[in-house]
Protein backbone atom coordinates (compact mmCIF):
# COMPACT_ATOMS: atom_id res chain seq x y z
CA ARG A 1 46.03 2.32 -41.61
CA GLY A 2 49.01 0.06 -40.94
CA SER A 3 51.07 -0.46 -37.80
CA THR A 4 54.06 1.27 -36.23
CA PHE A 5 56.69 -0.79 -34.40
CA ARG A 6 59.19 0.89 -32.11
CA VAL A 7 62.31 -1.17 -31.28
CA PHE A 8 64.95 -0.21 -28.69
CA LEU A 9 68.39 -1.76 -29.17
CA PRO A 10 70.93 -1.80 -26.31
CA TYR A 11 73.91 0.47 -26.89
CA GLN A 12 77.07 0.30 -24.79
CA PRO A 13 79.67 2.81 -26.05
CA VAL A 14 83.30 1.85 -25.50
CA PRO A 15 85.01 4.54 -23.37
CA LEU A 16 87.99 6.28 -24.93
CA GLU A 17 91.38 6.10 -23.33
CA PRO A 18 92.79 9.48 -22.21
CA GLY A 19 94.26 11.30 -25.19
CA GLU A 20 92.80 8.84 -27.71
CA PRO A 21 91.13 10.68 -30.60
CA PRO A 22 87.61 9.57 -31.53
CA SER A 23 87.28 7.55 -34.71
CA GLY A 24 85.93 9.27 -37.80
CA GLU A 25 84.91 12.91 -37.76
CA PRO A 26 84.80 14.73 -34.40
CA ARG A 27 81.27 15.15 -33.11
CA SER A 28 81.93 18.61 -31.66
CA GLY A 29 84.75 20.00 -33.80
CA THR A 30 88.53 20.34 -33.73
CA VAL A 31 90.23 22.67 -31.25
CA VAL A 32 93.81 23.75 -30.61
CA LEU A 33 94.94 23.46 -26.98
CA ALA A 34 97.96 25.72 -26.66
CA GLY A 35 100.15 25.71 -23.56
CA ALA A 36 98.35 25.08 -20.25
CA GLY A 37 101.45 23.37 -18.82
CA PRO A 38 102.79 19.83 -19.33
CA GLU A 39 100.70 18.42 -16.47
CA MET A 40 97.39 20.19 -17.05
CA ARG A 41 97.34 20.03 -20.86
CA PRO A 42 96.97 16.22 -21.20
CA ARG A 43 94.21 16.21 -18.58
CA MET A 44 92.29 18.98 -20.37
CA ALA A 45 92.80 17.24 -23.72
CA ALA A 46 91.36 14.01 -22.31
CA GLN A 47 88.31 15.89 -21.00
CA LEU A 48 87.69 17.47 -24.39
CA VAL A 49 88.12 14.17 -26.25
CA ARG A 50 85.58 12.50 -23.95
CA HIS A 51 83.06 15.14 -25.02
CA GLY A 52 83.59 14.62 -28.74
CA TYR A 53 86.28 17.17 -29.60
CA ARG A 54 89.41 16.43 -31.58
CA VAL A 55 92.33 18.15 -29.86
CA ILE A 56 95.59 19.43 -31.36
CA GLU A 57 98.02 20.01 -28.49
CA THR A 58 100.78 22.61 -28.87
CA SER A 59 103.45 23.83 -26.45
CA THR A 60 105.25 26.56 -28.43
CA VAL A 61 104.24 29.70 -30.29
CA GLU A 62 105.40 28.23 -33.62
CA GLN A 63 103.35 25.05 -33.11
CA THR A 64 100.30 27.09 -32.17
CA LEU A 65 100.49 29.34 -35.24
CA ALA A 66 100.99 26.31 -37.50
CA ALA A 67 98.01 24.48 -35.94
CA ALA A 68 95.82 27.59 -36.26
CA GLU A 69 96.26 27.49 -40.05
CA LYS A 70 94.53 24.12 -40.18
CA SER A 71 90.78 23.63 -40.26
CA VAL A 72 90.00 24.20 -36.57
CA GLN A 73 86.87 25.54 -34.91
CA ALA A 74 88.46 27.18 -31.84
CA ILE A 75 91.76 27.89 -30.09
CA LEU A 76 92.27 27.47 -26.34
CA LEU A 77 95.26 29.68 -25.54
CA ASP A 78 97.15 29.79 -22.25
CA THR A 79 98.03 33.26 -20.97
CA ALA A 80 101.70 32.19 -20.86
CA ILE A 81 103.18 29.94 -23.52
CA ASP A 82 106.77 29.31 -24.53
CA GLY A 83 107.99 32.35 -22.61
CA MET A 84 105.52 34.64 -24.38
CA ASN A 85 102.43 36.31 -22.95
CA GLY A 86 99.18 34.97 -24.35
CA TRP A 87 97.93 38.49 -25.05
CA GLU A 88 100.95 39.02 -27.36
CA ILE A 89 100.11 35.92 -29.39
CA LEU A 90 96.57 37.14 -30.14
CA PRO A 91 97.58 39.67 -32.86
CA LEU A 92 99.64 36.96 -34.57
CA LEU A 93 96.63 34.63 -34.62
CA ARG A 94 94.31 37.34 -35.89
CA ARG A 95 96.66 38.17 -38.77
CA LEU A 96 96.55 34.51 -39.80
CA ASP A 97 92.76 34.52 -39.80
CA PRO A 98 91.53 38.07 -40.52
CA GLU A 99 88.22 37.10 -42.14
CA SER A 100 86.82 33.94 -40.59
CA ARG A 101 88.12 34.89 -37.12
CA THR A 102 88.46 31.54 -35.37
CA PRO A 103 87.21 31.93 -31.76
CA VAL A 104 90.00 32.25 -29.17
CA VAL A 105 89.46 31.41 -25.49
CA LEU A 106 92.14 32.50 -23.02
CA LEU A 107 93.02 30.03 -20.26
CA SER A 108 94.31 30.66 -16.73
CA VAL A 109 93.16 34.28 -16.65
CA ASP A 110 93.47 35.94 -13.24
CA GLY A 111 91.85 39.11 -11.97
CA ALA A 112 94.62 41.43 -13.16
CA GLN A 113 94.75 39.92 -16.65
CA ALA A 114 91.01 40.12 -17.20
CA HIS A 115 91.31 43.78 -18.23
CA ALA A 116 94.63 43.52 -20.05
CA ALA A 117 93.14 43.51 -23.54
CA PRO A 118 90.18 45.10 -25.36
CA PRO A 119 86.93 43.12 -24.94
CA LEU A 120 86.86 42.17 -28.62
CA ALA A 121 90.40 40.77 -28.62
CA VAL A 122 89.23 37.37 -27.34
CA ASP A 123 85.96 35.51 -27.53
CA GLY A 124 86.12 33.93 -24.08
CA LYS A 125 88.14 33.74 -20.87
CA ILE A 126 88.50 31.03 -18.24
CA SER A 127 89.88 31.86 -14.81
CA THR A 128 92.03 29.63 -12.65
CA PRO A 129 91.51 27.00 -11.39
CA ILE A 130 90.15 25.56 -14.63
CA LYS A 131 87.11 23.34 -13.99
CA GLU A 132 85.87 20.83 -16.54
CA ASP A 133 82.26 22.06 -16.66
CA VAL A 134 83.39 25.69 -17.00
CA LEU A 135 85.83 24.77 -19.78
CA LEU A 136 83.18 22.87 -21.74
CA ALA A 137 80.54 25.55 -21.27
CA GLU A 138 82.81 28.40 -22.38
CA LEU A 139 84.10 26.50 -25.40
CA ALA A 140 80.63 25.44 -26.48
CA ARG A 141 79.38 29.00 -25.93
CA VAL A 142 81.88 30.58 -28.33
CA LEU A 143 81.24 27.86 -30.89
CA CYS A 144 77.47 28.23 -30.69
CA GLY A 145 77.87 31.98 -31.00
CA GLN A 146 78.61 31.56 -34.70
CA GLY A 147 75.63 31.85 -37.02
CA ASP A 148 71.98 32.20 -36.06
CA LYS A 149 70.94 32.13 -32.43
CA ALA A 150 70.00 28.74 -31.06
CA ARG A 151 66.54 28.32 -29.54
CA ILE A 152 65.97 26.31 -26.35
CA LEU A 153 62.59 25.38 -24.92
CA VAL A 154 62.64 24.81 -21.16
CA ILE A 155 59.65 22.74 -19.99
CA GLU A 156 59.59 23.06 -16.20
CA ASP A 157 56.65 23.45 -13.81
CA ASP A 158 58.87 25.08 -11.17
CA ARG A 159 58.80 28.68 -12.39
CA ASP A 160 61.72 29.77 -10.19
CA LEU A 161 63.98 27.02 -11.52
CA ALA A 162 62.86 27.72 -15.08
CA ARG A 163 63.83 31.37 -14.62
CA VAL A 164 67.27 30.39 -13.27
CA ILE A 165 67.90 28.13 -16.27
CA ALA A 166 66.77 30.84 -18.68
CA GLU A 167 69.09 33.40 -17.08
CA ILE A 168 72.06 31.04 -17.41
CA PHE A 169 71.55 30.65 -21.14
CA ALA A 170 70.84 34.35 -21.66
CA ARG A 171 74.57 35.15 -21.45
CA ASP A 172 75.21 32.57 -24.17
CA CYS A 173 73.25 34.62 -26.74
CA ILE A 174 70.64 31.88 -26.90
CA GLN A 175 66.91 32.44 -27.20
CA VAL A 176 65.08 30.71 -24.36
CA GLN A 177 61.36 30.17 -23.93
CA CYS A 178 59.82 28.57 -20.85
CA ALA A 179 56.69 26.44 -20.74
CA HIS A 180 55.07 25.32 -17.48
CA THR A 181 52.22 23.09 -18.67
CA PHE A 182 51.63 20.41 -21.29
CA GLN A 183 49.54 22.73 -23.45
CA GLU A 184 52.06 25.57 -23.25
CA SER A 185 54.77 23.11 -24.33
CA ILE A 186 52.80 21.98 -27.39
CA ASP A 187 52.04 25.56 -28.40
CA ALA A 188 55.70 26.56 -27.97
CA CYS A 189 56.93 23.72 -30.17
CA PHE A 190 54.88 25.10 -33.07
CA ALA A 191 55.43 28.82 -32.49
CA PHE A 192 58.99 28.86 -31.13
CA GLN A 193 60.41 25.92 -33.15
CA PRO A 194 63.18 25.01 -30.66
CA HIS A 195 66.52 23.47 -31.59
CA LEU A 196 66.69 21.65 -28.24
CA ILE A 197 64.35 20.90 -25.32
CA VAL A 198 65.13 20.76 -21.59
CA LEU A 199 62.35 18.67 -20.06
CA ASP A 200 61.11 18.09 -16.53
CA ILE A 201 58.90 15.05 -15.92
CA GLY A 202 56.18 16.53 -13.72
CA LEU A 203 53.60 18.94 -15.14
CA PRO A 204 50.24 20.04 -13.71
CA ASP A 205 48.27 18.84 -16.76
CA GLY A 206 50.36 15.88 -17.87
CA ASN A 207 53.95 14.67 -17.76
CA GLY A 208 57.14 14.42 -19.77
CA PHE A 209 56.14 11.03 -21.19
CA ASN A 210 53.06 12.61 -22.79
CA ILE A 211 55.18 15.32 -24.38
CA VAL A 212 57.76 12.90 -25.79
CA ASP A 213 55.01 10.68 -27.21
CA TRP A 214 53.48 13.73 -28.89
CA LEU A 215 56.85 14.89 -30.26
CA ARG A 216 57.53 11.46 -31.75
CA GLN A 217 54.34 11.72 -33.81
CA ASN A 218 55.50 14.95 -35.46
CA GLU A 219 58.09 14.41 -38.19
CA SER A 220 59.76 17.80 -37.75
CA LEU A 221 60.13 17.31 -33.96
CA ALA A 222 60.78 13.57 -33.61
CA ARG A 223 64.59 13.91 -33.68
CA LEU A 224 65.04 16.99 -31.51
CA PRO A 225 67.95 16.88 -29.02
CA LEU A 226 66.51 16.40 -25.54
CA VAL A 227 67.82 16.84 -22.00
CA VAL A 228 65.61 15.24 -19.34
CA TYR A 229 66.32 17.24 -16.17
CA SER A 230 64.44 15.20 -13.61
CA GLY A 231 63.95 15.45 -9.87
CA ARG A 232 64.16 11.66 -9.47
CA GLU A 233 66.12 8.74 -10.82
CA LEU A 234 64.60 7.13 -13.90
CA SER A 235 64.50 3.41 -14.58
CA PRO A 236 65.91 1.98 -17.83
CA THR A 237 62.36 1.42 -19.07
CA GLU A 238 61.38 5.02 -18.32
CA ARG A 239 64.48 6.26 -20.11
CA ARG A 240 63.59 4.28 -23.22
CA HIS A 241 60.13 5.84 -23.27
CA LEU A 242 61.65 9.32 -22.90
CA THR A 243 64.27 9.02 -25.64
CA LEU A 244 63.75 11.39 -28.56
CA GLY A 245 66.72 12.45 -30.70
CA PRO A 246 70.12 12.67 -28.97
CA THR A 247 68.94 12.35 -25.35
CA HIS A 248 70.71 12.88 -22.02
CA PHE A 249 69.34 12.32 -18.52
CA LEU A 250 70.38 14.53 -15.59
CA ALA A 251 69.27 14.35 -11.96
CA LYS A 252 68.56 17.74 -10.39
CA ALA A 253 69.95 16.61 -7.05
CA ARG A 254 73.38 15.87 -8.53
CA VAL A 255 73.69 18.30 -11.45
CA GLN A 256 73.82 22.06 -11.03
CA PRO A 257 72.35 24.42 -13.66
CA GLN A 258 75.90 25.38 -14.74
CA GLN A 259 76.62 21.73 -15.61
CA LEU A 260 73.35 21.62 -17.50
CA GLU A 261 74.60 24.64 -19.45
CA ALA A 262 77.80 22.85 -20.49
CA LEU A 263 75.91 19.79 -21.70
CA VAL A 264 73.25 21.74 -23.61
CA LEU A 265 75.77 23.95 -25.40
CA THR A 266 77.82 20.92 -26.42
CA MET A 267 74.70 19.16 -27.73
CA LEU A 268 73.74 22.25 -29.74
CA ARG A 269 77.19 22.36 -31.27
CA ARG A 270 77.02 18.69 -32.25
CA SER A 271 73.56 19.20 -33.71
CA ARG A 272 74.81 22.06 -35.88
CA LEU A 273 77.75 20.00 -37.11
CA THR A 274 75.35 17.20 -38.04
CA GLU A 275 73.13 19.60 -39.98
CA ASP A 276 76.16 20.84 -41.94
CA VAL A 277 77.03 17.33 -43.16
CA PRO A 278 75.26 16.59 -46.46
CA SER A 279 72.94 13.63 -46.27
CA ARG A 280 74.45 10.46 -47.68
CA GLU A 281 71.04 9.47 -49.00
CA SER A 282 71.12 12.39 -51.44
CA SER A 283 74.06 10.79 -53.22
CA VAL A 284 72.27 7.46 -53.79
CA HIS A 285 70.45 7.22 -57.10
CA ASN A 286 68.06 4.54 -58.23
CA PRO A 287 69.27 2.63 -61.28
């Protein structure tokens, strides 16, 4: 019946310098970062670039309106920019984009400003102080909100933790299903057809390694994005055996569920962008 050889090649990505745009197409999309102050804006831009976004920085209303007319996926708008209130800029942006309605996230919102506009005027709000994980989660949330709902399968034997994770993603308009055993996980992969899996290692009737091995043998599941959310540190060898599609490893002791949210939403966004790119193989014809 032939043989299957699995080869793991070492990969050491070169870190980007702050403010340096990634080469080629952005993995997570292009966003406009408007205002946010001359000190905070470069720092936020560097954070977004590190997570695969291409950033267009603007500091005036005119620059922001001009950037919004380009092909961008979202606009991060400070509540005060160029002497103008951020709420006042919203109608100008909406008139530029009445049909496609590019998502707008307001930055530096305080308690009094939170009720200063109708709920539908903006797609997201971030309060001060702006934290990196909150910024990434809110941006990825509004981007993932476009189109069909994403489906996440959480494989976790700790039912309380699984419920906490599910509740976090519930506000992101994402369908979440939890599985607590190996068999439940296999059944859910067929019935639920997840777009991404959050996986714990320990299960009462198996482990995460068994699940990944099974997923690799199924063509439709072998490239699923995977987040291994483990209670212990994993060796390089263990990580190789747990790699599926785009795979990230998080330690429960160091990563809170909210940080898990930011990572998962960003991975979903990247996965959707990849699906939208036509396959290069389709353009190759045999002579």
